[in-house]
Amino acid sequence: HTHNGQIFPLNFVVKALFEKAYGFYRRGETQY
C-alpha cells in the first residue's frame, strides 16, 4: 500500500503515517 512514498517528499509522509512504511520489522514474536 505505501509504495514506500513513491515520489519525494511523500516518502516522509508515509513514514509519518505508518509505524512501518517499508521493509522488515519485528514486534515481539510477530514479523512484518
All heavy atoms as atom14 arrays in JSON, in Angstrom:
{
  "sequence": "HTHNGQIFPLNFVVKALFEKAYGFYRRGETQY",
  "atom14_mask": [
    [1, 1, 1, 1, 1, 1, 1, 1, 1, 1, 0, 0, 0, 0],
    [1, 1, 1, 1, 1, 1, 1, 0, 0, 0, 0, 0, 0, 0],
    [1, 1, 1, 1, 1, 1, 1, 1, 1, 1, 0, 0, 0, 0],
    [1, 1, 1, 1, 1, 1, 1, 1, 0, 0, 0, 0, 0, 0],
    [1, 1, 1, 1, 0, 0, 0, 0, 0, 0, 0, 0, 0, 0],
    [1, 1, 1, 1, 1, 1, 1, 1, 1, 0, 0, 0, 0, 0],
    [1, 1, 1, 1, 1, 1, 1, 1, 0, 0, 0, 0, 0, 0],
    [1, 1, 1, 1, 1, 1, 1, 1, 1, 1, 1, 0, 0, 0],
    [1, 1, 1, 1, 1, 1, 1, 0, 0, 0, 0, 0, 0, 0],
    [1, 1, 1, 1, 1, 1, 1, 1, 0, 0, 0, 0, 0, 0],
    [1, 1, 1, 1, 1, 1, 1, 1, 0, 0, 0, 0, 0, 0],
    [1, 1, 1, 1, 1, 1, 1, 1, 1, 1, 1, 0, 0, 0],
    [1, 1, 1, 1, 1, 1, 1, 0, 0, 0, 0, 0, 0, 0],
    [1, 1, 1, 1, 1, 1, 1, 0, 0, 0, 0, 0, 0, 0],
    [1, 1, 1, 1, 1, 1, 1, 1, 1, 0, 0, 0, 0, 0],
    [1, 1, 1, 1, 1, 0, 0, 0, 0, 0, 0, 0, 0, 0],
    [1, 1, 1, 1, 1, 1, 1, 1, 0, 0, 0, 0, 0, 0],
    [1, 1, 1, 1, 1, 1, 1, 1, 1, 1, 1, 0, 0, 0],
    [1, 1, 1, 1, 1, 1, 1, 1, 1, 0, 0, 0, 0, 0],
    [1, 1, 1, 1, 1, 1, 1, 1, 1, 0, 0, 0, 0, 0],
    [1, 1, 1, 1, 1, 0, 0, 0, 0, 0, 0, 0, 0, 0],
    [1, 1, 1, 1, 1, 1, 1, 1, 1, 1, 1, 1, 0, 0],
    [1, 1, 1, 1, 0, 0, 0, 0, 0, 0, 0, 0, 0, 0],
    [1, 1, 1, 1, 1, 1, 1, 1, 1, 1, 1, 0, 0, 0],
    [1, 1, 1, 1, 1, 1, 1, 1, 1, 1, 1, 1, 0, 0],
    [1, 1, 1, 1, 1, 1, 1, 1, 1, 1, 1, 0, 0, 0],
    [1, 1, 1, 1, 1, 1, 1, 1, 1, 1, 1, 0, 0, 0],
    [1, 1, 1, 1, 0, 0, 0, 0, 0, 0, 0, 0, 0, 0],
    [1, 1, 1, 1, 1, 1, 1, 1, 1, 0, 0, 0, 0, 0],
    [1, 1, 1, 1, 1, 1, 1, 0, 0, 0, 0, 0, 0, 0],
    [1, 1, 1, 1, 1, 1, 1, 1, 1, 0, 0, 0, 0, 0],
    [1, 1, 1, 1, 1, 1, 1, 1, 1, 1, 1, 1, 0, 0]
  ],
  "atom14_positions": [
    [[0.79, -1.23, 0.0], [0.0, 0.0, 0.0], [0.83, 1.29, 0.0], [0.46, 2.24, -0.67], [-0.99, 0.02, 1.17], [-1.81, 1.27, 1.25], [-2.84, 1.52, 0.37], [-1.75, 2.33, 2.09], [-3.38, 2.69, 0.67], [-2.74, 3.2, 1.69], [0.0, 0.0, 0.0], [0.0, 0.0, 0.0], [0.0, 0.0, 0.0], [0.0, 0.0, 0.0]],
    [[1.9, 1.35, 0.73], [2.61, 2.61, 0.92], [3.44, 3.04, -0.29], [3.78, 4.21, -0.42], [3.57, 2.52, 2.11], [4.64, 1.62, 1.79], [2.86, 2.07, 3.38], [0.0, 0.0, 0.0], [0.0, 0.0, 0.0], [0.0, 0.0, 0.0], [0.0, 0.0, 0.0], [0.0, 0.0, 0.0], [0.0, 0.0, 0.0], [0.0, 0.0, 0.0]],
    [[3.81, 2.11, -1.15], [4.69, 2.35, -2.3], [6.02, 2.97, -1.86], [6.72, 3.54, -2.66], [4.02, 3.23, -3.36], [2.77, 2.63, -3.92], [2.73, 1.94, -5.1], [1.5, 2.61, -3.43], [1.51, 1.53, -5.33], [0.73, 1.91, -4.33], [0.0, 0.0, 0.0], [0.0, 0.0, 0.0], [0.0, 0.0, 0.0], [0.0, 0.0, 0.0]],
    [[6.27, 2.9, -0.56], [7.47, 3.5, 0.04], [7.58, 4.98, -0.31], [8.65, 5.52, -0.51], [8.74, 2.75, -0.37], [9.93, 3.11, 0.51], [9.76, 3.53, 1.66], [11.12, 2.94, 0.0], [0.0, 0.0, 0.0], [0.0, 0.0, 0.0], [0.0, 0.0, 0.0], [0.0, 0.0, 0.0], [0.0, 0.0, 0.0], [0.0, 0.0, 0.0]],
    [[6.44, 5.61, -0.4], [6.42, 7.05, -0.69], [6.36, 7.39, -2.16], [5.81, 8.41, -2.53], [0.0, 0.0, 0.0], [0.0, 0.0, 0.0], [0.0, 0.0, 0.0], [0.0, 0.0, 0.0], [0.0, 0.0, 0.0], [0.0, 0.0, 0.0], [0.0, 0.0, 0.0], [0.0, 0.0, 0.0], [0.0, 0.0, 0.0], [0.0, 0.0, 0.0]],
    [[6.92, 6.57, -2.99], [6.89, 6.67, -4.46], [7.55, 7.93, -5.0], [8.4, 7.86, -5.86], [5.46, 6.55, -5.0], [5.38, 6.56, -6.51], [3.95, 6.4, -7.02], [3.13, 5.77, -6.4], [3.69, 6.97, -8.16], [0.0, 0.0, 0.0], [0.0, 0.0, 0.0], [0.0, 0.0, 0.0], [0.0, 0.0, 0.0], [0.0, 0.0, 0.0]],
    [[7.12, 9.1, -4.55], [7.66, 10.36, -5.07], [8.08, 11.25, -3.9], [7.31, 11.43, -2.95], [6.6, 11.11, -5.91], [6.14, 10.25, -7.09], [7.14, 12.44, -6.41], [4.97, 10.82, -7.84], [0.0, 0.0, 0.0], [0.0, 0.0, 0.0], [0.0, 0.0, 0.0], [0.0, 0.0, 0.0], [0.0, 0.0, 0.0], [0.0, 0.0, 0.0]],
    [[9.27, 11.8, -3.97], [9.72, 12.75, -2.95], [8.76, 13.94, -2.93], [8.37, 14.41, -4.0], [11.15, 13.21, -3.29], [11.66, 14.26, -2.36], [12.21, 13.92, -1.16], [11.54, 15.61, -2.69], [12.68, 14.89, -0.29], [12.0, 16.59, -1.83], [12.56, 16.23, -0.63], [0.0, 0.0, 0.0], [0.0, 0.0, 0.0], [0.0, 0.0, 0.0]],
    [[8.34, 14.42, -1.81], [8.66, 14.08, -0.43], [7.64, 13.15, 0.23], [7.57, 13.06, 1.44], [8.65, 15.44, 0.26], [7.52, 16.16, -0.43], [7.58, 15.69, -1.87], [0.0, 0.0, 0.0], [0.0, 0.0, 0.0], [0.0, 0.0, 0.0], [0.0, 0.0, 0.0], [0.0, 0.0, 0.0], [0.0, 0.0, 0.0], [0.0, 0.0, 0.0]],
    [[6.83, 12.44, -0.58], [5.81, 11.56, 0.0], [6.42, 10.43, 0.83], [5.75, 9.87, 1.7], [4.9, 10.99, -1.09], [4.03, 12.01, -1.81], [3.2, 11.33, -2.89], [3.14, 12.76, -0.84], [0.0, 0.0, 0.0], [0.0, 0.0, 0.0], [0.0, 0.0, 0.0], [0.0, 0.0, 0.0], [0.0, 0.0, 0.0], [0.0, 0.0, 0.0]],
    [[7.68, 10.1, 0.59], [8.34, 9.09, 1.42], [8.35, 9.52, 2.89], [8.19, 8.7, 3.78], [9.75, 8.78, 0.91], [10.61, 10.01, 0.76], [10.18, 11.03, 0.21], [11.84, 9.93, 1.24], [0.0, 0.0, 0.0], [0.0, 0.0, 0.0], [0.0, 0.0, 0.0], [0.0, 0.0, 0.0], [0.0, 0.0, 0.0], [0.0, 0.0, 0.0]],
    [[8.48, 10.81, 3.16], [8.44, 11.29, 4.54], [7.02, 11.24, 5.1], [6.82, 10.98, 6.27], [8.99, 12.73, 4.63], [10.45, 12.81, 4.26], [10.83, 13.46, 3.1], [11.42, 12.23, 5.07], [12.18, 13.53, 2.74], [12.76, 12.3, 4.72], [13.14, 12.95, 3.55], [0.0, 0.0, 0.0], [0.0, 0.0, 0.0], [0.0, 0.0, 0.0]],
    [[6.03, 11.46, 4.23], [4.63, 11.41, 4.66], [4.27, 9.99, 5.08], [3.7, 9.77, 6.15], [3.69, 11.92, 3.54], [2.23, 11.72, 3.93], [3.98, 13.38, 3.24], [0.0, 0.0, 0.0], [0.0, 0.0, 0.0], [0.0, 0.0, 0.0], [0.0, 0.0, 0.0], [0.0, 0.0, 0.0], [0.0, 0.0, 0.0], [0.0, 0.0, 0.0]],
    [[4.59, 8.99, 4.24], [4.22, 7.61, 4.59], [4.97, 7.13, 5.83], [4.44, 6.38, 6.64], [4.37, 6.62, 3.42], [3.45, 6.96, 2.28], [5.78, 6.48, 2.96], [0.0, 0.0, 0.0], [0.0, 0.0, 0.0], [0.0, 0.0, 0.0], [0.0, 0.0, 0.0], [0.0, 0.0, 0.0], [0.0, 0.0, 0.0], [0.0, 0.0, 0.0]],
    [[6.19, 7.6, 6.01], [6.94, 7.24, 7.23], [6.28, 7.82, 8.47], [6.34, 7.24, 9.55], [8.39, 7.69, 7.14], [9.2, 6.82, 6.2], [10.63, 7.3, 6.08], [11.36, 6.43, 5.08], [12.7, 6.91, 4.79], [0.0, 0.0, 0.0], [0.0, 0.0, 0.0], [0.0, 0.0, 0.0], [0.0, 0.0, 0.0], [0.0, 0.0, 0.0]],
    [[5.62, 8.97, 8.33], [4.91, 9.58, 9.46], [3.56, 8.91, 9.69], [3.09, 8.84, 10.82], [4.72, 11.07, 9.21], [0.0, 0.0, 0.0], [0.0, 0.0, 0.0], [0.0, 0.0, 0.0], [0.0, 0.0, 0.0], [0.0, 0.0, 0.0], [0.0, 0.0, 0.0], [0.0, 0.0, 0.0], [0.0, 0.0, 0.0], [0.0, 0.0, 0.0]],
    [[2.93, 8.41, 8.63], [1.6, 7.82, 8.74], [1.59, 6.38, 9.22], [0.63, 5.93, 9.85], [0.88, 7.88, 7.38], [0.46, 9.25, 6.9], [-0.1, 9.16, 5.49], [-0.57, 9.86, 7.84], [0.0, 0.0, 0.0], [0.0, 0.0, 0.0], [0.0, 0.0, 0.0], [0.0, 0.0, 0.0], [0.0, 0.0, 0.0], [0.0, 0.0, 0.0]],
    [[2.64, 5.62, 8.9], [2.66, 4.19, 9.2], [3.79, 3.87, 10.17], [4.89, 4.4, 10.05], [2.85, 3.38, 7.91], [1.7, 3.54, 6.95], [1.77, 4.47, 5.92], [0.57, 2.77, 7.08], [0.72, 4.62, 5.03], [-0.49, 2.91, 6.19], [-0.42, 3.84, 5.17], [0.0, 0.0, 0.0], [0.0, 0.0, 0.0], [0.0, 0.0, 0.0]],
    [[3.49, 2.96, 11.08], [4.51, 2.51, 12.03], [5.71, 1.93, 11.28], [6.86, 2.14, 11.66], [3.91, 1.44, 12.95], [4.84, 0.95, 14.0], [4.17, -0.02, 14.96], [2.93, -0.07, 15.03], [4.91, -0.73, 15.66], [0.0, 0.0, 0.0], [0.0, 0.0, 0.0], [0.0, 0.0, 0.0], [0.0, 0.0, 0.0], [0.0, 0.0, 0.0]],
    [[5.43, 1.17, 10.22], [6.48, 0.66, 9.34], [6.0, 0.84, 7.91], [5.05, 0.22, 7.47], [6.76, -0.83, 9.63], [7.89, -1.39, 8.82], [9.2, -0.71, 9.14], [10.36, -1.32, 8.38], [11.6, -0.61, 8.62], [0.0, 0.0, 0.0], [0.0, 0.0, 0.0], [0.0, 0.0, 0.0], [0.0, 0.0, 0.0], [0.0, 0.0, 0.0]],
    [[6.64, 1.72, 7.16], [6.2, 2.06, 5.81], [6.86, 1.21, 4.74], [6.38, 1.15, 3.61], [6.46, 3.53, 5.52], [0.0, 0.0, 0.0], [0.0, 0.0, 0.0], [0.0, 0.0, 0.0], [0.0, 0.0, 0.0], [0.0, 0.0, 0.0], [0.0, 0.0, 0.0], [0.0, 0.0, 0.0], [0.0, 0.0, 0.0], [0.0, 0.0, 0.0]],
    [[7.98, 0.54, 5.09], [8.68, -0.27, 4.09], [9.7, -1.16, 4.79], [10.35, -0.75, 5.75], [9.4, 0.62, 3.07], [10.19, -0.17, 2.07], [9.55, -0.86, 1.04], [11.57, -0.28, 2.17], [10.27, -1.63, 0.14], [12.29, -1.03, 1.26], [11.64, -1.71, 0.26], [12.35, -2.46, -0.63], [0.0, 0.0, 0.0], [0.0, 0.0, 0.0]],
    [[9.84, -2.36, 4.27], [10.91, -3.25, 4.72], [10.47, -4.25, 5.78], [9.29, -4.52, 5.96], [0.0, 0.0, 0.0], [0.0, 0.0, 0.0], [0.0, 0.0, 0.0], [0.0, 0.0, 0.0], [0.0, 0.0, 0.0], [0.0, 0.0, 0.0], [0.0, 0.0, 0.0], [0.0, 0.0, 0.0], [0.0, 0.0, 0.0], [0.0, 0.0, 0.0]],
    [[11.46, -4.79, 6.48], [11.25, -5.8, 7.52], [11.13, -5.14, 8.88], [11.85, -4.17, 9.17], [12.4, -6.81, 7.53], [12.28, -7.83, 8.61], [11.44, -8.92, 8.47], [13.0, -7.69, 9.79], [11.31, -9.86, 9.48], [12.89, -8.63, 10.8], [12.04, -9.72, 10.64], [0.0, 0.0, 0.0], [0.0, 0.0, 0.0], [0.0, 0.0, 0.0]],
    [[10.28, -5.69, 9.7], [10.03, -5.13, 11.02], [9.63, -6.27, 11.95], [9.05, -7.26, 11.5], [8.89, -4.11, 10.91], [8.51, -3.37, 12.16], [9.42, -2.61, 12.86], [7.21, -3.41, 12.62], [9.06, -1.9, 14.0], [6.83, -2.71, 13.77], [7.76, -1.96, 14.45], [7.39, -1.26, 15.56], [0.0, 0.0, 0.0], [0.0, 0.0, 0.0]],
    [[9.92, -6.14, 13.22], [9.52, -7.15, 14.19], [8.93, -6.44, 15.41], [9.48, -5.44, 15.86], [10.71, -7.99, 14.61], [10.35, -9.08, 15.61], [11.57, -9.81, 16.14], [12.25, -10.58, 15.13], [12.02, -11.86, 14.86], [11.11, -12.5, 15.55], [12.71, -12.48, 13.93], [0.0, 0.0, 0.0], [0.0, 0.0, 0.0], [0.0, 0.0, 0.0]],
    [[7.81, -6.98, 15.86], [7.16, -6.55, 17.11], [6.98, -7.8, 17.93], [6.17, -8.64, 17.57], [5.78, -5.97, 16.83], [5.66, -4.52, 16.72], [4.19, -4.19, 16.38], [3.87, -2.88, 16.85], [3.24, -2.62, 17.99], [2.82, -3.58, 18.75], [3.02, -1.39, 18.35], [0.0, 0.0, 0.0], [0.0, 0.0, 0.0], [0.0, 0.0, 0.0]],
    [[7.76, -7.95, 18.99], [7.67, -9.18, 19.77], [8.02, -10.37, 18.89], [9.04, -10.38, 18.22], [0.0, 0.0, 0.0], [0.0, 0.0, 0.0], [0.0, 0.0, 0.0], [0.0, 0.0, 0.0], [0.0, 0.0, 0.0], [0.0, 0.0, 0.0], [0.0, 0.0, 0.0], [0.0, 0.0, 0.0], [0.0, 0.0, 0.0], [0.0, 0.0, 0.0]],
    [[7.14, -11.37, 18.86], [7.36, -12.56, 18.04], [6.78, -12.43, 16.63], [6.93, -13.33, 15.82], [6.74, -13.79, 18.73], [7.4, -14.14, 20.06], [8.87, -14.5, 19.88], [9.19, -15.32, 18.99], [9.71, -13.94, 20.61], [0.0, 0.0, 0.0], [0.0, 0.0, 0.0], [0.0, 0.0, 0.0], [0.0, 0.0, 0.0], [0.0, 0.0, 0.0]],
    [[6.1, -11.33, 16.35], [5.48, -11.14, 15.04], [6.43, -10.41, 14.11], [7.01, -9.4, 14.49], [4.15, -10.36, 15.18], [3.29, -11.07, 16.07], [3.47, -10.21, 13.82], [0.0, 0.0, 0.0], [0.0, 0.0, 0.0], [0.0, 0.0, 0.0], [0.0, 0.0, 0.0], [0.0, 0.0, 0.0], [0.0, 0.0, 0.0], [0.0, 0.0, 0.0]],
    [[6.57, -10.95, 12.9], [7.41, -10.34, 11.88], [6.51, -9.7, 10.81], [5.45, -10.23, 10.5], [8.31, -11.39, 11.24], [9.21, -12.06, 12.27], [9.96, -13.22, 11.66], [10.96, -13.01, 10.99], [9.46, -14.42, 11.87], [0.0, 0.0, 0.0], [0.0, 0.0, 0.0], [0.0, 0.0, 0.0], [0.0, 0.0, 0.0], [0.0, 0.0, 0.0]],
    [[6.97, -8.6, 10.26], [6.2, -7.86, 9.26], [7.11, -7.57, 8.08], [8.28, -7.22, 8.25], [5.72, -6.51, 9.82], [4.92, -6.63, 11.09], [5.55, -6.73, 12.33], [3.53, -6.65, 11.05], [4.81, -6.84, 13.49], [2.78, -6.75, 12.22], [3.43, -6.85, 13.43], [2.7, -6.97, 14.57], [0.0, 0.0, 0.0], [0.0, 0.0, 0.0]]
  ]
}
